[in-house]
């Protein structure tokens, strides 16, 4: 029988999972998702190479809660996947707050603290915690670990973690948290393999959610996504940075209520808001529509702006890394960014870029540029195994 760690990413209407071996280096056994949980729940599992493994549908109009979904997943793993025994579960949790600057073994008290942070990060936190609670209730003997998206950025200097607000406001917990840290943690471990001399590195985690991180010697010193998951770069449907006075204006003129404005900023903005047609970078790049082009151009513009600022903070740049869906697959975005950074001595290798790397800069480029696929699941599995084995 093969012991396995279950990696869980609980969302509002979907629950993604992966099962990994518990050896010295975790290896993927299978992964899958329970999707459309509130309308048309269905389960899909795949082999590590992406080949279909199994599927199940509950029926349109059914509602499947997190607890039932996780019970089904664990049951399926142990009954349908030969010789698998789930011995631990690792959860992606976006915010660890001031208490956790690294992964932590989950206890009821830990869950209560993390649940209390949901008011700061309303999009993911509560659902991440809900998945862990569901397993704790139905599998009370199963060790669980929370791995945080915010923890990697706790190495930022103090001055980078504050906002110029009155102490009363800061005392409520307002600070620069930073996210996508699990992905950046993984990439920080891969960079030395391709650029061992690179100390000053900027990484763009560019997907449906997007951010940039400046790393010095593998540690975060600044990142673009700030208090919650809204700010920084424009994203698929999230606005990215919008001036606070614009928010006040929209509320003051009663164009929006606080509820409808929050919905617009999170769900109707970014690439979708600018193009008016799609949140998918692939669709926008293929479209002849002027607004679609504007959305792509703005994404590149914002990305170049952050890279320039972070180069100044780092005192120069040794390597630039693209990762996540857009970063790994959009040769158009990568080329546009590098062309606007030629003042840094960046030289694009067009053929390598078209092939998605791994190195997309020429041999004589003063700054090396790479495409490195991220693997957040593997990072969660490894952290979970490290903590569980030490308890």
Protein backbone atom coordinates (compact mmCIF):
# COMPACT_ATOMS: atom_id res chain seq x y z
CA UNK A 1 0.00 0.00 0.00
CA UNK A 2 1.27 3.48 -0.93
CA UNK A 3 0.98 6.23 1.68
CA UNK A 4 -0.08 9.52 0.12
CA UNK A 5 -0.45 13.15 1.10
CA UNK A 6 -3.58 14.87 -0.18
CA UNK A 7 -3.09 18.45 -1.39
CA UNK A 8 -6.27 20.52 -1.22
CA UNK A 9 -7.16 23.88 -2.75
CA UNK A 10 -10.67 24.74 -1.59
CA UNK A 11 -12.49 27.46 -3.48
CA UNK A 12 -16.01 28.82 -3.27
CA UNK A 13 -17.50 26.51 -5.92
CA UNK A 14 -14.64 24.16 -6.75
CA UNK A 15 -12.21 21.94 -4.91
CA UNK A 16 -8.91 20.99 -6.57
CA UNK A 17 -6.79 18.14 -5.26
CA UNK A 18 -3.61 16.23 -5.89
CA UNK A 19 -2.26 13.04 -4.33
CA UNK A 20 1.50 12.70 -3.78
CA UNK A 21 3.78 9.95 -2.53
CA UNK A 22 5.39 10.38 0.88
CA UNK A 23 8.97 9.56 -0.08
CA UNK A 24 11.95 11.87 0.32
CA UNK A 25 10.79 13.70 -2.79
CA UNK A 26 7.02 13.81 -3.23
CA UNK A 27 5.82 12.44 -6.57
CA UNK A 28 2.42 13.08 -8.13
CA UNK A 29 0.10 10.07 -8.22
CA UNK A 30 -2.97 11.78 -9.66
CA UNK A 31 -4.87 15.06 -9.51
CA UNK A 32 -8.39 16.26 -10.11
CA UNK A 33 -11.21 18.62 -9.26
CA UNK A 34 -14.78 18.72 -8.05
CA UNK A 35 -16.20 21.63 -10.00
CA UNK A 36 -19.45 23.67 -10.17
CA UNK A 37 -20.33 22.50 -6.67
CA UNK A 38 -23.30 24.84 -6.28
CA UNK A 39 -24.98 24.21 -9.65
CA UNK A 40 -23.83 21.09 -11.49
CA UNK A 41 -21.22 19.26 -9.40
CA UNK A 42 -18.90 16.92 -11.26
CA UNK A 43 -15.68 15.12 -10.47
CA UNK A 44 -12.74 14.60 -12.82
CA UNK A 45 -9.46 12.81 -12.03
CA UNK A 46 -6.41 12.57 -14.23
CA UNK A 47 -3.12 10.72 -14.39
CA UNK A 48 0.10 12.71 -13.84
CA UNK A 49 0.45 13.01 -17.63
CA UNK A 50 -3.05 14.48 -17.93
CA UNK A 51 -4.78 11.38 -19.27
CA UNK A 52 -8.35 10.94 -17.97
CA UNK A 53 -8.59 8.56 -15.05
CA UNK A 54 -12.18 8.76 -13.80
CA UNK A 55 -15.23 11.03 -13.73
CA UNK A 56 -18.48 11.33 -11.85
CA UNK A 57 -21.53 13.63 -12.01
CA UNK A 58 -24.05 14.34 -9.26
CA UNK A 59 -26.56 15.93 -11.62
CA UNK A 60 -27.55 19.43 -12.65
CA UNK A 61 -29.28 21.40 -9.91
CA UNK A 62 -27.57 19.49 -7.12
CA UNK A 63 -25.54 21.28 -4.45
CA UNK A 64 -22.40 19.65 -3.10
CA UNK A 65 -20.80 21.09 0.03
CA UNK A 66 -17.07 20.99 0.78
CA UNK A 67 -17.45 18.20 3.30
CA UNK A 68 -19.24 15.91 0.85
CA UNK A 69 -16.75 16.72 -1.91
CA UNK A 70 -13.75 15.90 0.29
CA UNK A 71 -15.37 12.72 1.54
CA UNK A 72 -15.87 11.65 -2.04
CA UNK A 73 -12.27 12.48 -3.02
CA UNK A 74 -10.69 10.64 -0.10
CA UNK A 75 -13.02 7.69 -0.57
CA UNK A 76 -12.25 7.58 -4.27
CA UNK A 77 -8.50 7.70 -3.66
CA UNK A 78 -8.60 4.83 -1.20
CA UNK A 79 -11.15 2.69 -3.05
CA UNK A 80 -10.53 3.34 -6.72
CA UNK A 81 -6.81 4.07 -6.75
CA UNK A 82 -5.05 0.80 -5.98
CA UNK A 83 -3.03 0.65 -2.77
CA UNK A 84 -3.33 4.33 -1.76
CA UNK A 85 -3.75 5.36 1.86
CA UNK A 86 -4.17 9.07 2.62
CA UNK A 87 -1.96 9.75 5.65
CA UNK A 88 -1.92 13.58 5.68
CA UNK A 89 -3.56 16.57 4.03
CA UNK A 90 -1.95 19.87 3.03
CA UNK A 91 -4.06 22.94 2.35
CA UNK A 92 -3.38 26.08 0.36
CA UNK A 93 -4.44 28.98 2.59
CA UNK A 94 -3.93 32.46 1.24
CA UNK A 95 -3.34 34.40 4.47
CA UNK A 96 -1.38 33.40 7.55
CA UNK A 97 -1.63 36.77 9.29
CA UNK A 98 0.98 37.96 11.77
CA UNK A 99 1.18 34.62 13.53
CA UNK A 100 2.44 32.39 10.76
CA UNK A 101 5.51 33.09 8.65
CA UNK A 102 5.66 29.47 7.52
CA UNK A 103 3.53 26.31 7.23
CA UNK A 104 1.79 25.14 10.41
CA UNK A 105 0.13 21.96 11.66
CA UNK A 106 -3.60 22.57 11.80
CA UNK A 107 -5.42 22.54 15.14
CA UNK A 108 -8.90 23.82 16.03
CA UNK A 109 -7.34 26.97 17.48
CA UNK A 110 -5.31 27.54 14.29
CA UNK A 111 -8.47 27.22 12.19
CA UNK A 112 -10.32 29.71 14.38
CA UNK A 113 -7.50 32.23 13.94
CA UNK A 114 -7.34 31.72 10.18
CA UNK A 115 -11.12 31.98 9.85
CA UNK A 116 -10.95 35.32 11.65
CA UNK A 117 -8.73 36.65 8.83
CA UNK A 118 -11.49 36.14 6.26
CA UNK A 119 -12.66 39.72 6.73
CA UNK A 120 -9.29 40.85 5.34
CA UNK A 121 -9.23 38.44 2.39
CA UNK A 122 -12.86 37.65 1.50
CA UNK A 123 -12.30 35.88 -1.83
CA UNK A 124 -10.46 32.73 -0.74
CA UNK A 125 -9.66 32.57 2.98
CA UNK A 126 -13.00 31.36 4.32
CA UNK A 127 -13.23 28.61 1.71
CA UNK A 128 -9.64 27.48 2.30
CA UNK A 129 -10.48 27.12 6.00
CA UNK A 130 -13.77 25.39 5.24
CA UNK A 131 -11.96 22.57 3.46
CA UNK A 132 -9.64 21.99 6.43
CA UNK A 133 -12.56 22.04 8.88
CA UNK A 134 -14.42 19.46 6.80
CA UNK A 135 -11.53 17.00 6.96
CA UNK A 136 -10.97 17.68 10.67
CA UNK A 137 -14.58 16.82 11.42
CA UNK A 138 -14.85 13.64 9.34
CA UNK A 139 -11.23 12.42 9.58
CA UNK A 140 -10.17 13.63 13.04
CA UNK A 141 -7.04 11.47 13.15
CA UNK A 142 -5.66 12.72 9.85
CA UNK A 143 -2.78 15.21 10.29
CA UNK A 144 -3.31 18.45 8.37
CA UNK A 145 -0.99 21.33 7.45
CA UNK A 146 -1.76 24.86 6.28
CA UNK A 147 0.66 26.32 3.71
CA UNK A 148 0.25 30.05 3.22
CA UNK A 149 0.47 32.22 0.13
CA UNK A 150 1.47 35.17 2.30
CA UNK A 151 4.31 33.55 4.27
CA UNK A 152 7.03 33.86 1.63
CA UNK A 153 6.77 37.65 1.78
CA UNK A 154 7.42 37.96 5.50
CA UNK A 155 11.08 38.49 4.59
CA UNK A 156 10.19 41.87 3.09
CA UNK A 157 11.76 44.77 5.01
CA UNK A 158 9.50 46.35 7.62
CA UNK A 159 9.20 49.50 5.53
CA UNK A 160 7.76 47.42 2.68
CA UNK A 161 5.12 45.83 4.90
CA UNK A 162 3.45 49.02 6.14
CA UNK A 163 1.15 51.67 4.69
CA UNK A 164 1.27 55.38 5.56
CA UNK A 165 -1.93 55.28 7.59
CA UNK A 166 -2.73 56.35 11.16
CA UNK A 167 -1.70 53.86 13.82
CA UNK A 168 -5.36 53.18 14.61
CA UNK A 169 -5.87 51.94 11.06
CA UNK A 170 -2.67 49.90 11.05
CA UNK A 171 -3.62 48.33 14.35
CA UNK A 172 -6.67 46.74 12.72
CA UNK A 173 -4.31 44.50 10.75
CA UNK A 174 -3.88 46.62 7.65
CA UNK A 175 -0.50 45.86 6.13
CA UNK A 176 1.17 44.69 2.93
CA UNK A 177 0.74 40.93 3.07
CA UNK A 178 1.63 39.77 -0.45
CA UNK A 179 0.39 36.58 -2.11
CA UNK A 180 1.31 33.84 -4.61
CA UNK A 181 4.02 32.99 -2.10
CA UNK A 182 3.75 29.23 -2.58
CA UNK A 183 4.52 29.70 -6.26
CA UNK A 184 7.38 32.11 -5.51
CA UNK A 185 8.75 29.67 -2.94
CA UNK A 186 8.90 26.99 -5.62
CA UNK A 187 10.45 29.29 -8.24
CA UNK A 188 13.07 30.55 -5.74
CA UNK A 189 14.28 26.94 -5.47
CA UNK A 190 14.42 26.48 -9.25
CA UNK A 191 16.31 29.65 -10.19
CA UNK A 192 19.68 28.43 -8.81
CA UNK A 193 19.42 25.40 -11.11
CA UNK A 194 19.31 27.56 -14.25
CA UNK A 195 21.09 30.72 -13.07
CA UNK A 196 23.28 29.86 -10.07
CA UNK A 197 24.95 33.29 -9.99
CA UNK A 198 21.69 35.27 -10.07
CA UNK A 199 21.12 37.16 -6.81
CA UNK A 200 18.74 39.88 -7.98
CA UNK A 201 15.69 38.21 -9.50
CA UNK A 202 12.24 39.40 -10.50
CA UNK A 203 9.50 36.80 -11.00
CA UNK A 204 6.16 37.39 -12.68
CA UNK A 205 3.45 34.96 -11.58
CA UNK A 206 1.11 35.75 -14.45
CA UNK A 207 -2.17 33.89 -14.57
CA UNK A 208 -5.83 34.59 -13.86
CA UNK A 209 -4.41 36.13 -10.72
CA UNK A 210 -1.18 37.97 -11.40
CA UNK A 211 1.63 39.50 -9.38
CA UNK A 212 5.34 40.34 -9.48
CA UNK A 213 7.94 39.59 -6.80
CA UNK A 214 11.43 41.01 -6.31
CA UNK A 215 13.81 38.48 -4.73
CA UNK A 216 17.26 39.03 -3.32
CA UNK A 217 19.20 35.82 -2.68
CA UNK A 218 15.95 33.86 -2.96
CA UNK A 219 14.05 35.98 -0.42
CA UNK A 220 11.12 38.30 -1.14
CA UNK A 221 11.86 41.99 -0.68
CA UNK A 222 8.75 43.36 -2.45
CA UNK A 223 5.65 42.11 -4.25
CA UNK A 224 2.82 43.76 -6.13
CA UNK A 225 -0.27 42.08 -4.69
CA UNK A 226 -0.80 43.94 -1.47
CA UNK A 227 -3.46 43.76 1.24
CA UNK A 228 -5.84 41.26 -0.34
CA UNK A 229 -6.08 39.70 -3.79
CA UNK A 230 -7.16 42.80 -5.69
CA UNK A 231 -4.22 45.14 -6.04
CA UNK A 232 -1.07 45.31 -8.14
CA UNK A 233 -1.16 44.08 -11.73
CA UNK A 234 -4.42 43.97 -13.69
CA UNK A 235 -5.71 40.40 -13.69
CA UNK A 236 -8.31 38.34 -15.55
CA UNK A 237 -11.28 39.98 -13.85
CA UNK A 238 -9.62 41.90 -10.99
CA UNK A 239 -8.72 45.55 -11.43
CA UNK A 240 -5.22 45.69 -10.01
CA UNK A 241 -4.19 49.11 -8.74
CA UNK A 242 -6.93 51.75 -8.78
CA UNK A 243 -6.45 55.09 -6.95
CA UNK A 244 -8.29 55.33 -3.65
CA UNK A 245 -9.81 58.65 -4.68
CA UNK A 246 -11.48 56.92 -7.64
CA UNK A 247 -13.16 54.57 -5.17
CA UNK A 248 -14.41 57.50 -3.10
CA UNK A 249 -15.67 59.25 -6.24
CA UNK A 250 -17.62 56.23 -7.46
CA UNK A 251 -19.24 55.81 -4.05
CA UNK A 252 -19.89 59.53 -3.58
CA UNK A 253 -21.65 59.83 -6.94
CA UNK A 254 -23.68 56.73 -6.07
CA UNK A 255 -22.60 55.06 -9.30
CA UNK A 256 -21.95 52.03 -7.08
CA UNK A 257 -22.70 50.85 -3.59
CA UNK A 258 -19.85 49.36 -1.57
CA UNK A 259 -21.18 45.89 -2.42
CA UNK A 260 -21.58 46.44 -6.16
CA UNK A 261 -18.23 48.24 -6.39
CA UNK A 262 -16.42 45.37 -4.67
CA UNK A 263 -18.08 42.96 -7.11
CA UNK A 264 -17.05 45.14 -10.06
CA UNK A 265 -13.44 45.45 -8.94
CA UNK A 266 -13.07 41.73 -8.32
CA UNK A 267 -15.26 40.28 -11.06
CA UNK A 268 -15.80 42.77 -13.88
CA UNK A 269 -12.49 44.60 -14.20
CA UNK A 270 -8.93 43.80 -15.32
CA UNK A 271 -8.63 42.22 -18.77
CA UNK A 272 -12.38 41.67 -18.91
CA UNK A 273 -13.18 45.24 -17.93
CA UNK A 274 -10.78 46.79 -20.44
CA UNK A 275 -11.69 44.52 -23.36
CA UNK A 276 -15.39 44.22 -22.65
CA UNK A 277 -15.30 40.76 -24.17
CA UNK A 278 -12.99 38.28 -22.43
CA UNK A 279 -10.78 37.68 -19.41
CA UNK A 280 -8.70 35.10 -21.31
CA UNK A 281 -5.34 36.37 -22.57
CA UNK A 282 -5.38 33.81 -25.40
CA UNK A 283 -8.69 35.13 -26.70
CA UNK A 284 -7.56 38.74 -26.41
CA UNK A 285 -4.28 38.12 -28.25
CA UNK A 286 -6.13 36.49 -31.13
CA UNK A 287 -8.78 39.20 -31.38
CA UNK A 288 -8.61 42.06 -33.94
CA UNK A 289 -10.73 44.23 -31.66
CA UNK A 290 -9.10 47.49 -30.51
CA UNK A 291 -10.27 47.09 -26.92
CA UNK A 292 -8.83 43.57 -26.76
CA UNK A 293 -5.49 44.99 -27.90
CA UNK A 294 -5.80 47.74 -25.28
CA UNK A 295 -6.25 45.14 -22.54
CA UNK A 296 -3.10 43.27 -23.61
CA UNK A 297 -1.13 46.51 -23.95
CA UNK A 298 -2.18 47.69 -20.49
CA UNK A 299 -1.18 44.36 -18.94
CA UNK A 300 2.30 44.67 -20.51
CA UNK A 301 2.54 48.34 -19.51
CA UNK A 302 1.74 47.59 -15.87
CA UNK A 303 4.14 44.66 -15.81
CA UNK A 304 7.00 46.73 -17.22
CA UNK A 305 6.28 49.48 -14.69
CA UNK A 306 6.57 47.08 -11.76
CA UNK A 307 9.70 45.42 -13.15
CA UNK A 308 11.35 48.82 -13.54
CA UNK A 309 10.51 49.83 -9.98
CA UNK A 310 11.67 46.52 -8.54
CA UNK A 311 14.92 46.69 -10.50
CA UNK A 312 15.57 49.97 -8.69
CA UNK A 313 14.81 48.38 -5.30
CA UNK A 314 17.16 45.48 -6.07
CA UNK A 315 19.90 47.80 -7.30
CA UNK A 316 19.98 46.04 -10.65
CA UNK A 317 18.72 42.82 -12.17
CA UNK A 318 20.37 39.47 -12.85
CA UNK A 319 17.40 37.37 -13.97
CA UNK A 320 13.76 37.79 -14.98
CA UNK A 321 11.41 34.80 -14.68
CA UNK A 322 7.95 34.25 -16.17
CA UNK A 323 5.66 31.64 -14.64
CA UNK A 324 1.97 30.55 -14.34
CA UNK A 325 -0.56 30.38 -17.19
CA UNK A 326 0.20 33.59 -19.10
CA UNK A 327 3.85 33.67 -18.07
CA UNK A 328 4.49 30.11 -19.23
CA UNK A 329 2.46 30.22 -22.44
CA UNK A 330 2.22 33.74 -23.86
CA UNK A 331 5.21 34.37 -26.13
CA UNK A 332 3.50 37.63 -27.18
CA UNK A 333 3.43 39.06 -23.65
CA UNK A 334 6.98 37.94 -22.88
CA UNK A 335 8.35 39.43 -26.09
CA UNK A 336 6.56 42.73 -25.52
CA UNK A 337 7.94 42.96 -21.99
CA UNK A 338 11.53 42.18 -22.97
CA UNK A 339 11.43 44.61 -25.88
CA UNK A 340 10.48 47.40 -23.47
CA UNK A 341 13.29 46.40 -21.13
CA UNK A 342 16.09 46.53 -23.69
CA UNK A 343 17.56 49.45 -21.69
CA UNK A 344 18.52 46.84 -19.10
CA UNK A 345 20.52 44.98 -21.71
CA UNK A 346 17.84 42.32 -22.11
CA UNK A 347 18.00 40.64 -25.52
CA UNK A 348 15.19 38.36 -26.62
CA UNK A 349 15.90 35.00 -28.25
CA UNK A 350 12.82 34.92 -30.47
CA UNK A 351 13.06 31.22 -31.35
CA UNK A 352 13.48 30.16 -27.72
CA UNK A 353 10.62 32.44 -26.69
CA UNK A 354 8.33 30.90 -29.31
CA UNK A 355 9.21 27.47 -27.86
CA UNK A 356 8.44 28.69 -24.31
CA UNK A 357 12.03 28.54 -23.13
CA UNK A 358 13.39 27.62 -20.71
CA UNK A 359 15.88 30.44 -21.43
CA UNK A 360 14.38 33.11 -23.67
CA UNK A 361 17.25 35.62 -23.64
CA UNK A 362 20.30 35.44 -25.86
CA UNK A 363 23.66 34.22 -24.58
CA UNK A 364 25.06 37.76 -24.62
CA UNK A 365 22.06 39.34 -22.84
CA UNK A 366 23.17 41.28 -19.75
CA UNK A 367 20.09 40.01 -17.92
CA UNK A 368 18.96 36.39 -18.26
CA UNK A 369 15.28 35.70 -18.85
CA UNK A 370 13.57 32.37 -18.26
CA UNK A 371 10.26 30.57 -18.42
CA UNK A 372 9.97 28.28 -15.39
CA UNK A 373 6.73 26.33 -14.84
CA UNK A 374 5.49 26.66 -11.28
CA UNK A 375 4.28 23.80 -9.10
CA UNK A 376 2.35 25.00 -6.06
CA UNK A 377 0.87 21.56 -5.39
CA UNK A 378 4.28 19.96 -5.08
CA UNK A 379 5.42 22.74 -2.76
CA UNK A 380 2.40 22.17 -0.49
CA UNK A 381 2.96 18.42 -0.51
CA UNK A 382 6.62 18.81 0.43
CA UNK A 383 5.93 21.29 3.23
CA UNK A 384 3.20 19.00 4.57
CA UNK A 385 5.48 15.99 4.60
CA UNK A 386 8.27 17.96 6.25
CA UNK A 387 6.00 19.13 9.08
CA UNK A 388 4.12 15.88 9.63
CA UNK A 389 7.31 13.82 9.75
CA UNK A 390 8.80 16.16 12.36
CA UNK A 391 5.84 15.96 14.73
